[in-house]
Amino acid sequence: MTYRKIVQELVLAALCSTVLWGQQGTGPAMDPEFPLTLQQSVTAGKTPVGSKIQAKLSIATLVEGKVIPRNATFSGEVTESVAKTKTGPSLLAIRMDSAQWKDGSASIKIFLTGWYYPTINEAGQDLQYGPQEPANRTWNGQGQYPDPNSKVYRPFPGDDSGKKSSVPDTPSSATSNHRERMKDVQTERGADGTIALTSKNSNIKLERYTTYVLSATDPIPQK
């Protein structure tokens, strides 16, 4: 039974890594994508360079024949952090150097990319924010949640518990299994292979408990 369970977990990890998170198993070899859930918020220009960063792996990922299990802790640091000015863009870069879990560890070098997995609300047929909604109706990866009834942006959905509504109270949240580009964020690739994010519109902000994609290269769009 133990052997069968191990085999099942390995198969599940491989399937999740190649299908659920958009990693293709055919064609030229690509660097694996790591969906990591941040354990703290990070803001360009406010979070100093050198700040230690930790994140949890959201799903088991197969890397060179080795499975890094779900909830493995990735550790790294902020390597660039510049606030937006009148003449210059916001700049943010994060590098992860290691992964640790109960029965092992690994040295790794991956970078924050311009992709993330939106948080959606699950409420049966009354979904307010779901995978079928347009991109401008979901969390844009920088901490802004558009009000579905207006064009005003606010950090989090408002509390309408005191108002009459056909929408059920506080649906449970979940992470979408389709990654999206962060809004108004571009990716820059350094000559040494590093990746940095820039934005001419606002300071880049990463939210705690949100899942971002880190990789050695910038992922290609999903079909």
N, C-alpha and C. Protein backbone atom coordinates (compact mmCIF):
# COMPACT_ATOMS: atom_id res chain seq x y z
N MET A 1 0.82 -1.20 0.00
CA MET A 1 0.00 0.00 0.00
C MET A 1 0.86 1.26 0.00
N THR A 2 1.95 1.21 0.77
CA THR A 2 2.84 2.37 0.82
C THR A 2 3.47 2.63 -0.53
N TYR A 3 3.91 1.54 -1.20
CA TYR A 3 4.52 1.68 -2.53
C TYR A 3 3.50 2.26 -3.51
N ARG A 4 2.28 1.74 -3.47
CA ARG A 4 1.24 2.23 -4.37
C ARG A 4 0.96 3.71 -4.11
N LYS A 5 0.91 4.12 -2.87
CA LYS A 5 0.65 5.52 -2.53
C LYS A 5 1.75 6.41 -3.06
N ILE A 6 3.00 5.97 -2.94
CA ILE A 6 4.13 6.76 -3.45
C ILE A 6 4.03 6.93 -4.95
N VAL A 7 3.71 5.83 -5.65
CA VAL A 7 3.57 5.89 -7.11
C VAL A 7 2.46 6.85 -7.49
N GLN A 8 1.31 6.77 -6.78
CA GLN A 8 0.19 7.66 -7.07
C GLN A 8 0.57 9.12 -6.88
N GLU A 9 1.32 9.40 -5.82
CA GLU A 9 1.73 10.78 -5.55
C GLU A 9 2.67 11.29 -6.63
N LEU A 10 3.58 10.41 -7.09
CA LEU A 10 4.49 10.81 -8.16
C LEU A 10 3.74 11.10 -9.45
N VAL A 11 2.78 10.25 -9.78
CA VAL A 11 1.99 10.47 -10.99
C VAL A 11 1.20 11.75 -10.88
N LEU A 12 0.58 11.99 -9.71
CA LEU A 12 -0.19 13.21 -9.51
C LEU A 12 0.68 14.44 -9.63
N ALA A 13 1.87 14.39 -9.04
CA ALA A 13 2.79 15.52 -9.12
C ALA A 13 3.17 15.82 -10.55
N ALA A 14 3.45 14.76 -11.32
CA ALA A 14 3.83 14.96 -12.71
C ALA A 14 2.69 15.56 -13.52
N LEU A 15 1.47 15.05 -13.30
CA LEU A 15 0.32 15.57 -14.03
C LEU A 15 0.05 17.02 -13.67
N CYS A 16 0.12 17.32 -12.39
CA CYS A 16 -0.14 18.70 -11.95
C CYS A 16 0.88 19.65 -12.52
N SER A 17 2.13 19.22 -12.55
CA SER A 17 3.20 20.09 -13.04
C SER A 17 3.09 20.34 -14.53
N THR A 18 2.59 19.35 -15.28
CA THR A 18 2.56 19.49 -16.73
C THR A 18 1.23 19.99 -17.27
N VAL A 19 0.13 19.78 -16.52
CA VAL A 19 -1.17 20.16 -17.04
C VAL A 19 -1.79 21.30 -16.25
N LEU A 20 -2.02 21.07 -14.96
CA LEU A 20 -2.75 22.05 -14.16
C LEU A 20 -2.10 23.40 -14.14
N TRP A 21 -0.78 23.43 -14.07
CA TRP A 21 -0.08 24.71 -13.99
C TRP A 21 0.53 25.09 -15.33
N GLY A 22 0.09 24.49 -16.42
CA GLY A 22 0.44 24.98 -17.74
C GLY A 22 1.81 24.60 -18.24
N GLN A 23 2.46 23.64 -17.63
CA GLN A 23 3.76 23.22 -18.12
C GLN A 23 3.54 22.11 -19.13
N GLN A 24 3.96 22.31 -20.35
CA GLN A 24 3.72 21.36 -21.42
C GLN A 24 4.77 20.25 -21.40
N GLY A 25 4.32 19.04 -21.71
CA GLY A 25 5.22 17.90 -21.68
C GLY A 25 5.79 17.56 -23.05
N THR A 26 5.43 18.34 -24.08
CA THR A 26 5.95 18.08 -25.40
C THR A 26 6.71 19.27 -25.90
N GLY A 27 7.47 19.07 -27.00
CA GLY A 27 8.23 20.18 -27.56
C GLY A 27 9.53 20.38 -26.81
N PRO A 28 10.21 21.53 -27.08
CA PRO A 28 11.48 21.80 -26.44
C PRO A 28 11.35 21.86 -24.92
N ALA A 29 12.41 21.41 -24.23
CA ALA A 29 12.39 21.42 -22.78
C ALA A 29 12.31 22.85 -22.27
N MET A 30 11.46 23.06 -21.26
CA MET A 30 11.29 24.38 -20.68
C MET A 30 11.59 24.33 -19.19
N ASP A 31 12.01 25.46 -18.65
CA ASP A 31 12.25 25.53 -17.22
C ASP A 31 10.93 25.38 -16.48
N PRO A 32 10.92 24.63 -15.38
CA PRO A 32 9.67 24.45 -14.63
C PRO A 32 9.21 25.76 -14.01
N GLU A 33 7.90 25.88 -13.87
CA GLU A 33 7.30 27.03 -13.19
C GLU A 33 6.96 26.63 -11.76
N PHE A 34 7.22 27.52 -10.83
CA PHE A 34 6.94 27.25 -9.43
C PHE A 34 5.85 28.21 -8.95
N PRO A 35 4.64 27.70 -8.70
CA PRO A 35 3.58 28.55 -8.14
C PRO A 35 3.79 28.70 -6.63
N LEU A 36 4.29 29.85 -6.22
CA LEU A 36 4.65 30.06 -4.82
C LEU A 36 3.73 31.08 -4.15
N THR A 37 3.24 30.72 -2.98
CA THR A 37 2.37 31.60 -2.21
C THR A 37 3.20 32.39 -1.21
N LEU A 38 3.25 33.69 -1.38
CA LEU A 38 4.08 34.55 -0.53
C LEU A 38 3.61 34.53 0.92
N GLN A 39 4.55 34.57 1.84
CA GLN A 39 4.26 34.60 3.26
C GLN A 39 4.32 36.02 3.82
N GLN A 40 4.60 37.00 2.97
CA GLN A 40 4.58 38.40 3.39
C GLN A 40 4.33 39.27 2.17
N SER A 41 3.86 40.48 2.41
CA SER A 41 3.65 41.42 1.32
C SER A 41 4.97 42.09 0.94
N VAL A 42 5.06 42.50 -0.32
CA VAL A 42 6.26 43.16 -0.82
C VAL A 42 5.83 44.34 -1.69
N THR A 43 6.42 45.51 -1.45
CA THR A 43 6.09 46.69 -2.23
C THR A 43 7.36 47.33 -2.76
N ALA A 44 7.39 47.59 -4.04
CA ALA A 44 8.56 48.23 -4.65
C ALA A 44 8.78 49.61 -4.03
N GLY A 45 10.02 49.86 -3.62
CA GLY A 45 10.36 51.14 -3.02
C GLY A 45 10.18 51.19 -1.52
N LYS A 46 9.37 50.29 -0.97
CA LYS A 46 9.15 50.24 0.48
C LYS A 46 9.85 49.04 1.12
N THR A 47 9.82 47.91 0.43
CA THR A 47 10.53 46.73 0.93
C THR A 47 11.99 46.84 0.49
N PRO A 48 12.93 46.96 1.44
CA PRO A 48 14.33 47.21 1.07
C PRO A 48 14.98 46.04 0.32
N VAL A 49 15.95 46.37 -0.49
CA VAL A 49 16.78 45.35 -1.14
C VAL A 49 17.48 44.55 -0.05
N GLY A 50 17.52 43.25 -0.19
CA GLY A 50 18.13 42.39 0.81
C GLY A 50 17.12 41.79 1.78
N SER A 51 15.87 42.26 1.74
CA SER A 51 14.84 41.70 2.62
C SER A 51 14.65 40.22 2.31
N LYS A 52 14.61 39.42 3.37
CA LYS A 52 14.43 37.98 3.19
C LYS A 52 12.97 37.66 2.85
N ILE A 53 12.79 36.76 1.90
CA ILE A 53 11.47 36.40 1.42
C ILE A 53 11.26 34.90 1.56
N GLN A 54 10.07 34.51 2.01
CA GLN A 54 9.71 33.10 2.06
C GLN A 54 8.36 32.89 1.37
N ALA A 55 8.22 31.73 0.76
CA ALA A 55 6.98 31.39 0.07
C ALA A 55 6.77 29.87 0.13
N LYS A 56 5.52 29.45 0.07
CA LYS A 56 5.17 28.04 0.10
C LYS A 56 4.79 27.56 -1.30
N LEU A 57 5.29 26.39 -1.67
CA LEU A 57 4.95 25.81 -2.96
C LEU A 57 3.48 25.36 -2.94
N SER A 58 2.70 25.84 -3.90
CA SER A 58 1.26 25.59 -3.89
C SER A 58 0.88 24.20 -4.37
N ILE A 59 1.75 23.58 -5.14
CA ILE A 59 1.45 22.24 -5.63
C ILE A 59 2.76 21.50 -5.90
N ALA A 60 2.77 20.21 -5.67
CA ALA A 60 3.98 19.41 -5.89
C ALA A 60 4.47 19.60 -7.33
N THR A 61 5.78 19.78 -7.49
CA THR A 61 6.35 20.08 -8.81
C THR A 61 7.51 19.14 -9.09
N LEU A 62 7.51 18.57 -10.28
CA LEU A 62 8.55 17.63 -10.68
C LEU A 62 9.69 18.40 -11.34
N VAL A 63 10.90 18.26 -10.78
CA VAL A 63 12.07 18.97 -11.29
C VAL A 63 13.21 17.98 -11.50
N GLU A 64 13.57 17.75 -12.76
CA GLU A 64 14.67 16.86 -13.10
C GLU A 64 14.53 15.51 -12.40
N GLY A 65 13.33 14.96 -12.44
CA GLY A 65 13.09 13.65 -11.86
C GLY A 65 12.89 13.64 -10.37
N LYS A 66 12.92 14.80 -9.74
CA LYS A 66 12.78 14.91 -8.29
C LYS A 66 11.52 15.69 -7.97
N VAL A 67 10.68 15.16 -7.10
CA VAL A 67 9.44 15.84 -6.72
C VAL A 67 9.70 16.74 -5.52
N ILE A 68 9.44 18.03 -5.72
CA ILE A 68 9.44 18.97 -4.59
C ILE A 68 8.01 19.03 -4.10
N PRO A 69 7.74 18.61 -2.86
CA PRO A 69 6.36 18.46 -2.40
C PRO A 69 5.65 19.78 -2.15
N ARG A 70 4.35 19.71 -2.19
CA ARG A 70 3.51 20.85 -1.85
C ARG A 70 3.85 21.35 -0.45
N ASN A 71 3.81 22.65 -0.27
CA ASN A 71 4.11 23.34 0.99
C ASN A 71 5.59 23.36 1.32
N ALA A 72 6.45 22.94 0.40
CA ALA A 72 7.88 23.14 0.61
C ALA A 72 8.14 24.64 0.75
N THR A 73 9.07 25.00 1.61
CA THR A 73 9.36 26.42 1.87
C THR A 73 10.51 26.88 0.98
N PHE A 74 10.25 27.89 0.17
CA PHE A 74 11.28 28.50 -0.66
C PHE A 74 11.77 29.78 0.01
N SER A 75 13.08 29.98 0.01
CA SER A 75 13.67 31.15 0.65
C SER A 75 14.53 31.93 -0.34
N GLY A 76 14.47 33.24 -0.22
CA GLY A 76 15.26 34.09 -1.11
C GLY A 76 15.28 35.51 -0.59
N GLU A 77 15.44 36.46 -1.50
CA GLU A 77 15.52 37.85 -1.07
C GLU A 77 15.11 38.80 -2.20
N VAL A 78 14.81 40.04 -1.79
CA VAL A 78 14.53 41.10 -2.75
C VAL A 78 15.86 41.60 -3.30
N THR A 79 16.02 41.60 -4.61
CA THR A 79 17.28 42.04 -5.21
C THR A 79 17.19 43.43 -5.83
N GLU A 80 15.98 43.88 -6.14
CA GLU A 80 15.78 45.24 -6.64
C GLU A 80 14.45 45.75 -6.13
N SER A 81 14.42 47.01 -5.70
CA SER A 81 13.19 47.60 -5.17
C SER A 81 13.25 49.11 -5.33
N VAL A 82 12.54 49.61 -6.33
CA VAL A 82 12.57 51.05 -6.63
C VAL A 82 11.14 51.54 -6.80
N ALA A 83 10.80 52.62 -6.11
CA ALA A 83 9.47 53.20 -6.22
C ALA A 83 9.33 53.99 -7.52
N LYS A 84 8.11 54.08 -8.01
CA LYS A 84 7.84 54.86 -9.21
C LYS A 84 8.04 56.36 -8.92
N THR A 85 8.61 57.05 -9.87
CA THR A 85 8.78 58.49 -9.78
C THR A 85 8.15 59.14 -11.01
N LYS A 86 8.21 60.46 -11.08
CA LYS A 86 7.66 61.17 -12.23
C LYS A 86 8.43 60.83 -13.51
N THR A 87 9.68 60.49 -13.34
CA THR A 87 10.52 60.23 -14.51
C THR A 87 10.93 58.78 -14.68
N GLY A 88 10.67 57.96 -13.69
CA GLY A 88 11.13 56.57 -13.77
C GLY A 88 10.08 55.58 -13.32
N PRO A 89 10.12 54.34 -13.82
CA PRO A 89 9.14 53.32 -13.47
C PRO A 89 9.43 52.66 -12.12
N SER A 90 8.44 51.99 -11.62
CA SER A 90 8.61 51.13 -10.45
C SER A 90 9.40 49.91 -10.88
N LEU A 91 10.23 49.38 -9.97
CA LEU A 91 11.09 48.23 -10.30
C LEU A 91 11.12 47.28 -9.10
N LEU A 92 10.92 46.00 -9.39
CA LEU A 92 10.94 45.00 -8.32
C LEU A 92 11.50 43.68 -8.86
N ALA A 93 12.40 43.08 -8.08
CA ALA A 93 12.97 41.78 -8.46
C ALA A 93 13.15 40.93 -7.21
N ILE A 94 12.79 39.66 -7.32
CA ILE A 94 12.95 38.70 -6.22
C ILE A 94 13.61 37.44 -6.76
N ARG A 95 14.60 36.95 -6.02
CA ARG A 95 15.28 35.70 -6.39
C ARG A 95 15.13 34.70 -5.25
N MET A 96 14.75 33.48 -5.58
CA MET A 96 14.70 32.40 -4.59
C MET A 96 15.92 31.52 -4.79
N ASP A 97 16.55 31.15 -3.67
CA ASP A 97 17.81 30.41 -3.73
C ASP A 97 17.73 28.97 -3.22
N SER A 98 16.71 28.65 -2.44
CA SER A 98 16.67 27.31 -1.86
C SER A 98 15.24 26.89 -1.55
N ALA A 99 15.07 25.58 -1.46
CA ALA A 99 13.78 24.99 -1.08
C ALA A 99 14.03 23.94 -0.01
N GLN A 100 13.17 23.92 1.00
CA GLN A 100 13.30 22.95 2.08
C GLN A 100 11.96 22.32 2.38
N TRP A 101 11.98 21.04 2.71
CA TRP A 101 10.78 20.34 3.13
C TRP A 101 11.17 19.30 4.15
N LYS A 102 10.21 18.54 4.65
CA LYS A 102 10.45 17.64 5.77
C LYS A 102 11.59 16.66 5.53
N ASP A 103 11.63 16.08 4.33
CA ASP A 103 12.61 15.03 4.08
C ASP A 103 13.70 15.41 3.10
N GLY A 104 13.86 16.71 2.85
CA GLY A 104 14.90 17.07 1.90
C GLY A 104 15.03 18.56 1.67
N SER A 105 15.93 18.91 0.78
CA SER A 105 16.16 20.31 0.43
C SER A 105 16.79 20.35 -0.96
N ALA A 106 16.82 21.54 -1.53
CA ALA A 106 17.41 21.70 -2.86
C ALA A 106 17.87 23.14 -3.04
N SER A 107 19.00 23.28 -3.71
CA SER A 107 19.45 24.61 -4.12
C SER A 107 18.78 24.94 -5.44
N ILE A 108 18.34 26.15 -5.57
CA ILE A 108 17.57 26.51 -6.76
C ILE A 108 17.76 28.00 -7.02
N LYS A 109 17.66 28.39 -8.28
CA LYS A 109 17.80 29.80 -8.64
C LYS A 109 16.67 30.17 -9.58
N ILE A 110 15.64 30.80 -9.03
CA ILE A 110 14.48 31.20 -9.82
C ILE A 110 14.11 32.63 -9.46
N PHE A 111 13.33 33.26 -10.34
CA PHE A 111 13.02 34.68 -10.19
C PHE A 111 11.52 34.93 -10.28
N LEU A 112 11.08 36.00 -9.65
CA LEU A 112 9.70 36.44 -9.78
C LEU A 112 9.44 36.82 -11.23
N THR A 113 8.34 36.33 -11.79
CA THR A 113 7.96 36.68 -13.15
C THR A 113 6.70 37.55 -13.12
N GLY A 114 6.24 37.94 -14.28
CA GLY A 114 5.07 38.80 -14.35
C GLY A 114 3.75 38.06 -14.35
N TRP A 115 3.74 36.82 -13.85
CA TRP A 115 2.54 36.01 -13.83
C TRP A 115 2.09 35.70 -12.41
N TYR A 116 0.80 35.49 -12.23
CA TYR A 116 0.25 35.12 -10.92
C TYR A 116 -1.03 34.34 -11.14
N TYR A 117 -1.52 33.70 -10.07
CA TYR A 117 -2.78 32.97 -10.11
C TYR A 117 -3.82 33.76 -9.33
N PRO A 118 -4.85 34.28 -10.00
CA PRO A 118 -5.84 35.11 -9.32
C PRO A 118 -6.58 34.34 -8.23
N THR A 119 -7.02 35.07 -7.22
CA THR A 119 -7.90 34.50 -6.21
C THR A 119 -9.33 34.67 -6.68
N ILE A 120 -10.09 33.59 -6.65
CA ILE A 120 -11.49 33.64 -7.08
C ILE A 120 -12.38 33.22 -5.92
N ASN A 121 -13.63 33.64 -5.98
CA ASN A 121 -14.61 33.28 -4.96
C ASN A 121 -15.50 32.17 -5.48
N GLU A 122 -15.65 31.13 -4.69
CA GLU A 122 -16.49 30.01 -5.07
C GLU A 122 -17.83 30.12 -4.37
N ALA A 123 -18.91 30.27 -5.16
CA ALA A 123 -20.24 30.38 -4.57
C ALA A 123 -21.27 29.76 -5.49
N GLY A 124 -20.99 28.57 -5.99
CA GLY A 124 -21.92 27.87 -6.86
C GLY A 124 -22.18 28.65 -8.13
N GLN A 125 -23.46 28.88 -8.45
CA GLN A 125 -23.82 29.57 -9.68
C GLN A 125 -23.75 31.07 -9.54
N ASP A 126 -23.51 31.57 -8.33
CA ASP A 126 -23.50 33.01 -8.10
C ASP A 126 -22.09 33.57 -7.99
N LEU A 127 -21.17 33.04 -8.77
CA LEU A 127 -19.79 33.51 -8.74
C LEU A 127 -19.72 34.99 -9.10
N GLN A 128 -19.07 35.77 -8.23
CA GLN A 128 -18.82 37.16 -8.55
C GLN A 128 -17.52 37.31 -9.31
N TYR A 129 -16.52 36.53 -8.89
CA TYR A 129 -15.22 36.57 -9.53
C TYR A 129 -14.84 35.13 -9.83
N GLY A 130 -14.78 34.75 -11.08
CA GLY A 130 -14.49 33.37 -11.40
C GLY A 130 -13.62 33.27 -12.62
N PRO A 131 -13.20 32.06 -12.96
CA PRO A 131 -12.30 31.88 -14.08
C PRO A 131 -12.90 32.28 -15.42
N GLN A 132 -14.25 32.38 -15.51
CA GLN A 132 -14.87 32.75 -16.77
C GLN A 132 -15.05 34.26 -16.90
N GLU A 133 -14.79 34.99 -15.81
CA GLU A 133 -14.95 36.44 -15.86
C GLU A 133 -13.82 37.06 -16.65
N PRO A 134 -14.03 38.24 -17.26
CA PRO A 134 -12.95 38.94 -17.95
C PRO A 134 -11.82 39.27 -16.99
N ALA A 135 -10.61 39.43 -17.53
CA ALA A 135 -9.43 39.68 -16.69
C ALA A 135 -9.60 40.93 -15.85
N ASN A 136 -10.32 41.96 -16.35
CA ASN A 136 -10.44 43.19 -15.60
C ASN A 136 -11.45 43.08 -14.47
N ARG A 137 -12.04 41.89 -14.27
CA ARG A 137 -12.96 41.68 -13.18
C ARG A 137 -12.35 40.82 -12.08
N THR A 138 -11.06 40.52 -12.21
CA THR A 138 -10.39 39.70 -11.21
C THR A 138 -9.25 40.46 -10.58
N TRP A 139 -8.70 39.88 -9.52
CA TRP A 139 -7.58 40.51 -8.82
C TRP A 139 -6.42 40.64 -9.78
N ASN A 140 -5.84 41.82 -9.88
CA ASN A 140 -4.82 42.03 -10.91
C ASN A 140 -3.41 41.71 -10.46
N GLY A 141 -3.24 41.13 -9.26
CA GLY A 141 -1.91 40.73 -8.80
C GLY A 141 -1.18 41.83 -8.08
N GLN A 142 -1.76 43.03 -8.03
CA GLN A 142 -1.12 44.14 -7.33
C GLN A 142 -1.99 44.65 -6.19
N GLY A 143 -2.94 43.82 -5.74
CA GLY A 143 -3.70 44.19 -4.57
C GLY A 143 -4.93 45.01 -4.85
N GLN A 144 -5.41 45.06 -6.10
CA GLN A 144 -6.59 45.84 -6.42
C GLN A 144 -7.70 44.92 -6.89
N TYR A 145 -8.87 45.11 -6.35
CA TYR A 145 -10.03 44.29 -6.67
C TYR A 145 -11.10 45.21 -7.23
N PRO A 146 -11.35 45.21 -8.53
CA PRO A 146 -12.36 46.11 -9.07
C PRO A 146 -13.74 45.80 -8.52
N ASP A 147 -14.50 46.83 -8.17
CA ASP A 147 -15.89 46.68 -7.79
C ASP A 147 -16.67 46.31 -9.03
N PRO A 148 -17.41 45.20 -9.03
CA PRO A 148 -18.14 44.79 -10.23
C PRO A 148 -19.21 45.78 -10.67
N ASN A 149 -19.61 46.70 -9.77
CA ASN A 149 -20.66 47.66 -10.09
C ASN A 149 -20.15 49.05 -10.38
N SER A 150 -18.85 49.25 -10.38
CA SER A 150 -18.31 50.57 -10.66
C SER A 150 -16.91 50.44 -11.19
N LYS A 151 -16.31 51.57 -11.56
CA LYS A 151 -14.95 51.59 -12.07
C LYS A 151 -13.95 51.98 -10.98
N VAL A 152 -14.40 52.02 -9.74
CA VAL A 152 -13.54 52.42 -8.62
C VAL A 152 -12.79 51.21 -8.11
N TYR A 153 -11.49 51.36 -7.95
CA TYR A 153 -10.66 50.27 -7.43
C TYR A 153 -10.53 50.41 -5.92
N ARG A 154 -10.49 49.27 -5.25
CA ARG A 154 -10.29 49.27 -3.81
C ARG A 154 -9.47 48.05 -3.43
N PRO A 155 -8.76 48.09 -2.29
CA PRO A 155 -7.86 46.98 -1.95
C PRO A 155 -8.55 45.64 -1.82
N PHE A 156 -9.74 45.60 -1.19
CA PHE A 156 -10.43 44.35 -0.98
C PHE A 156 -11.92 44.54 -1.19
N PRO A 157 -12.68 43.49 -1.45
CA PRO A 157 -14.11 43.64 -1.62
C PRO A 157 -14.75 44.25 -0.38
N GLY A 158 -15.72 45.11 -0.57
CA GLY A 158 -16.37 45.77 0.55
C GLY A 158 -17.28 44.83 1.30
N ASP A 159 -17.60 45.19 2.51
CA ASP A 159 -18.50 44.40 3.34
C ASP A 159 -19.92 44.87 3.09
N ASP A 160 -20.71 44.08 2.36
CA ASP A 160 -22.08 44.44 2.06
C ASP A 160 -23.05 43.62 2.88
N SER A 161 -22.57 43.14 4.04
CA SER A 161 -23.40 42.25 4.83
C SER A 161 -24.66 42.93 5.34
N GLY A 162 -24.62 44.28 5.42
CA GLY A 162 -25.78 45.00 5.93
C GLY A 162 -26.74 45.40 4.84
N LYS A 163 -26.45 45.04 3.56
CA LYS A 163 -27.30 45.41 2.45
C LYS A 163 -27.99 44.19 1.88
N LYS A 164 -29.17 44.40 1.33
CA LYS A 164 -29.88 43.31 0.69
C LYS A 164 -29.25 43.00 -0.65
N SER A 165 -29.01 41.75 -0.91
CA SER A 165 -28.38 41.36 -2.15
C SER A 165 -28.76 39.93 -2.48
N SER A 166 -28.78 39.60 -3.76
CA SER A 166 -29.07 38.24 -4.19
C SER A 166 -27.83 37.37 -4.13
N VAL A 167 -26.67 37.99 -3.87
CA VAL A 167 -25.41 37.25 -3.81
C VAL A 167 -25.22 36.68 -2.41
N PRO A 168 -24.88 35.41 -2.27
CA PRO A 168 -24.68 34.80 -0.94
C PRO A 168 -23.59 35.52 -0.16
N ASP A 169 -23.64 35.40 1.17
CA ASP A 169 -22.66 36.05 2.03
C ASP A 169 -21.29 35.41 1.87
N THR A 170 -20.26 36.22 1.72
CA THR A 170 -18.86 35.86 1.74
C THR A 170 -18.58 34.46 1.21
N PRO A 171 -18.53 34.29 -0.09
CA PRO A 171 -18.20 32.98 -0.66
C PRO A 171 -16.77 32.59 -0.32
N SER A 172 -16.50 31.30 -0.30
CA SER A 172 -15.15 30.85 0.01
C SER A 172 -14.23 31.16 -1.16
N SER A 173 -12.99 31.49 -0.84
CA SER A 173 -12.02 31.85 -1.87
C SER A 173 -11.16 30.66 -2.25
N ALA A 174 -10.67 30.70 -3.47
CA ALA A 174 -9.79 29.65 -3.98
C ALA A 174 -8.87 30.27 -5.00
N THR A 175 -7.80 29.56 -5.32
CA THR A 175 -6.85 30.05 -6.31
C THR A 175 -7.19 29.46 -7.67
N SER A 176 -7.28 30.31 -8.67
CA SER A 176 -7.56 29.85 -10.02
C SER A 176 -6.43 28.93 -10.48
N ASN A 177 -6.75 27.98 -11.38
CA ASN A 177 -5.69 27.12 -11.92
C ASN A 177 -5.24 27.61 -13.29
N HIS A 178 -5.54 28.86 -13.60
CA HIS A 178 -5.07 29.49 -14.84
C HIS A 178 -4.31 30.76 -14.48
N ARG A 179 -3.05 30.79 -14.81
CA ARG A 179 -2.28 31.99 -14.48
C ARG A 179 -2.61 33.13 -15.43
N GLU A 180 -2.35 34.36 -14.95
CA GLU A 180 -2.60 35.55 -15.75
C GLU A 180 -1.43 36.51 -15.61
N ARG A 181 -1.31 37.41 -16.56
CA ARG A 181 -0.31 38.45 -16.48
C ARG A 181 -0.73 39.51 -15.47
N MET A 182 0.22 40.03 -14.72
CA MET A 182 -0.07 41.16 -13.85
C MET A 182 -0.37 42.38 -14.72
N LYS A 183 -1.36 43.12 -14.32
CA LYS A 183 -1.79 44.28 -15.09
C LYS A 183 -0.74 45.40 -15.03
N ASP A 184 -0.44 45.98 -16.18
CA ASP A 184 0.46 47.13 -16.30
C ASP A 184 1.87 46.82 -15.81
N VAL A 185 2.28 45.56 -15.90
CA VAL A 185 3.62 45.15 -15.46
C VAL A 185 4.37 44.54 -16.64
N GLN A 186 5.61 44.97 -16.84
CA GLN A 186 6.45 44.42 -17.90
C GLN A 186 7.63 43.67 -17.27
N THR A 187 8.23 42.80 -18.06
CA THR A 187 9.36 42.00 -17.60
C THR A 187 10.63 42.43 -18.30
N GLU A 188 11.70 42.60 -17.53
CA GLU A 188 13.01 42.91 -18.09
C GLU A 188 13.96 41.77 -17.78
N ARG A 189 14.74 41.36 -18.76
CA ARG A 189 15.70 40.27 -18.58
C ARG A 189 17.10 40.84 -18.60
N GLY A 190 17.87 40.62 -17.53
CA GLY A 190 19.23 41.11 -17.45
C GLY A 190 20.20 40.25 -18.25
N ALA A 191 21.37 40.80 -18.52
CA ALA A 191 22.38 40.06 -19.28
C ALA A 191 22.85 38.82 -18.52
N ASP A 192 22.73 38.86 -17.19
CA ASP A 192 23.14 37.71 -16.37
C ASP A 192 22.02 36.71 -16.16
N GLY A 193 20.88 36.91 -16.83
CA GLY A 193 19.77 35.96 -16.72
C GLY A 193 18.74 36.31 -15.67
N THR A 194 18.96 37.37 -14.90
CA THR A 194 18.01 37.76 -13.87
C THR A 194 16.75 38.34 -14.51
N ILE A 195 15.66 38.31 -13.75
CA ILE A 195 14.39 38.85 -14.21
C ILE A 195 13.94 39.94 -13.24
N ALA A 196 13.47 41.06 -13.77
CA ALA A 196 12.94 42.15 -12.96
C ALA A 196 11.62 42.61 -13.55
N LEU A 197 10.73 43.07 -12.68
CA LEU A 197 9.44 43.59 -13.11
C LEU A 197 9.46 45.11 -13.06
N THR A 198 8.84 45.75 -14.04
CA THR A 198 8.75 47.21 -14.07
C THR A 198 7.31 47.62 -14.35
N SER A 199 6.96 48.81 -13.88
CA SER A 199 5.64 49.36 -14.15
C SER A 199 5.74 50.88 -14.22
N LYS A 200 5.21 51.45 -15.30
CA LYS A 200 5.19 52.90 -15.46
C LYS A 200 3.93 53.52 -14.86
N ASN A 201 3.01 52.66 -14.42
CA ASN A 201 1.72 53.16 -13.95
C ASN A 201 1.63 53.32 -12.43
N SER A 202 2.25 52.40 -11.68
CA SER A 202 2.15 52.46 -10.23
C SER A 202 3.25 51.61 -9.61
N ASN A 203 3.38 51.73 -8.28
CA ASN A 203 4.34 50.89 -7.58
C ASN A 203 3.86 49.44 -7.59
N ILE A 204 4.75 48.54 -7.92
CA ILE A 204 4.40 47.12 -7.95
C ILE A 204 4.24 46.62 -6.52
N LYS A 205 3.12 45.96 -6.26
CA LYS A 205 2.86 45.44 -4.92
C LYS A 205 2.45 43.98 -5.00
N LEU A 206 3.10 43.14 -4.23
CA LEU A 206 2.77 41.72 -4.14
C LEU A 206 2.06 41.48 -2.82
N GLU A 207 0.94 40.77 -2.88
CA GLU A 207 0.14 40.54 -1.69
C GLU A 207 0.48 39.23 -0.99
N ARG A 208 0.45 39.28 0.32
CA ARG A 208 0.63 38.07 1.12
C ARG A 208 -0.47 37.05 0.81
N TYR A 209 -0.09 35.79 0.79
CA TYR A 209 -1.00 34.67 0.54
C TYR A 209 -1.54 34.65 -0.90
N THR A 210 -0.91 35.39 -1.78
CA THR A 210 -1.26 35.32 -3.19
C THR A 210 -0.20 34.47 -3.89
N THR A 211 -0.60 33.70 -4.88
CA THR A 211 0.30 32.79 -5.57
C THR A 211 0.88 33.43 -6.82
N TYR A 212 2.20 33.55 -6.86
CA TYR A 212 2.93 34.14 -7.99
C TYR A 212 3.78 33.06 -8.64
N VAL A 213 4.10 33.28 -9.89
CA VAL A 213 4.91 32.31 -10.63
C VAL A 213 6.37 32.74 -10.60
N LEU A 214 7.23 31.84 -10.16
CA LEU A 214 8.67 32.06 -10.21
C LEU A 214 9.29 31.00 -11.11
N SER A 215 10.30 31.41 -11.87
CA SER A 215 10.93 30.50 -12.80
C SER A 215 12.31 31.04 -13.16
N ALA A 216 13.11 30.18 -13.78
CA ALA A 216 14.43 30.63 -14.25
C ALA A 216 14.30 31.49 -15.50
N THR A 217 13.17 31.34 -16.22
CA THR A 217 12.89 32.14 -17.41
C THR A 217 11.46 32.64 -17.34
N ASP A 218 11.15 33.67 -18.13
CA ASP A 218 9.81 34.21 -18.14
C ASP A 218 8.89 33.23 -18.87
N PRO A 219 7.83 32.73 -18.21
CA PRO A 219 6.94 31.74 -18.85
C PRO A 219 6.27 32.30 -20.10
N ILE A 220 5.97 31.39 -21.03
CA ILE A 220 5.25 31.79 -22.23
C ILE A 220 3.76 31.80 -21.93
N PRO A 221 2.98 32.59 -22.68
CA PRO A 221 1.53 32.61 -22.46
C PRO A 221 0.91 31.24 -22.68
N GLN A 222 -0.12 30.95 -21.90
CA GLN A 222 -0.83 29.69 -22.06
C GLN A 222 -1.82 29.80 -23.21
N LYS A 223 -2.00 28.71 -23.94
CA LYS A 223 -2.96 28.70 -25.04
C LYS A 223 -4.36 28.38 -24.52
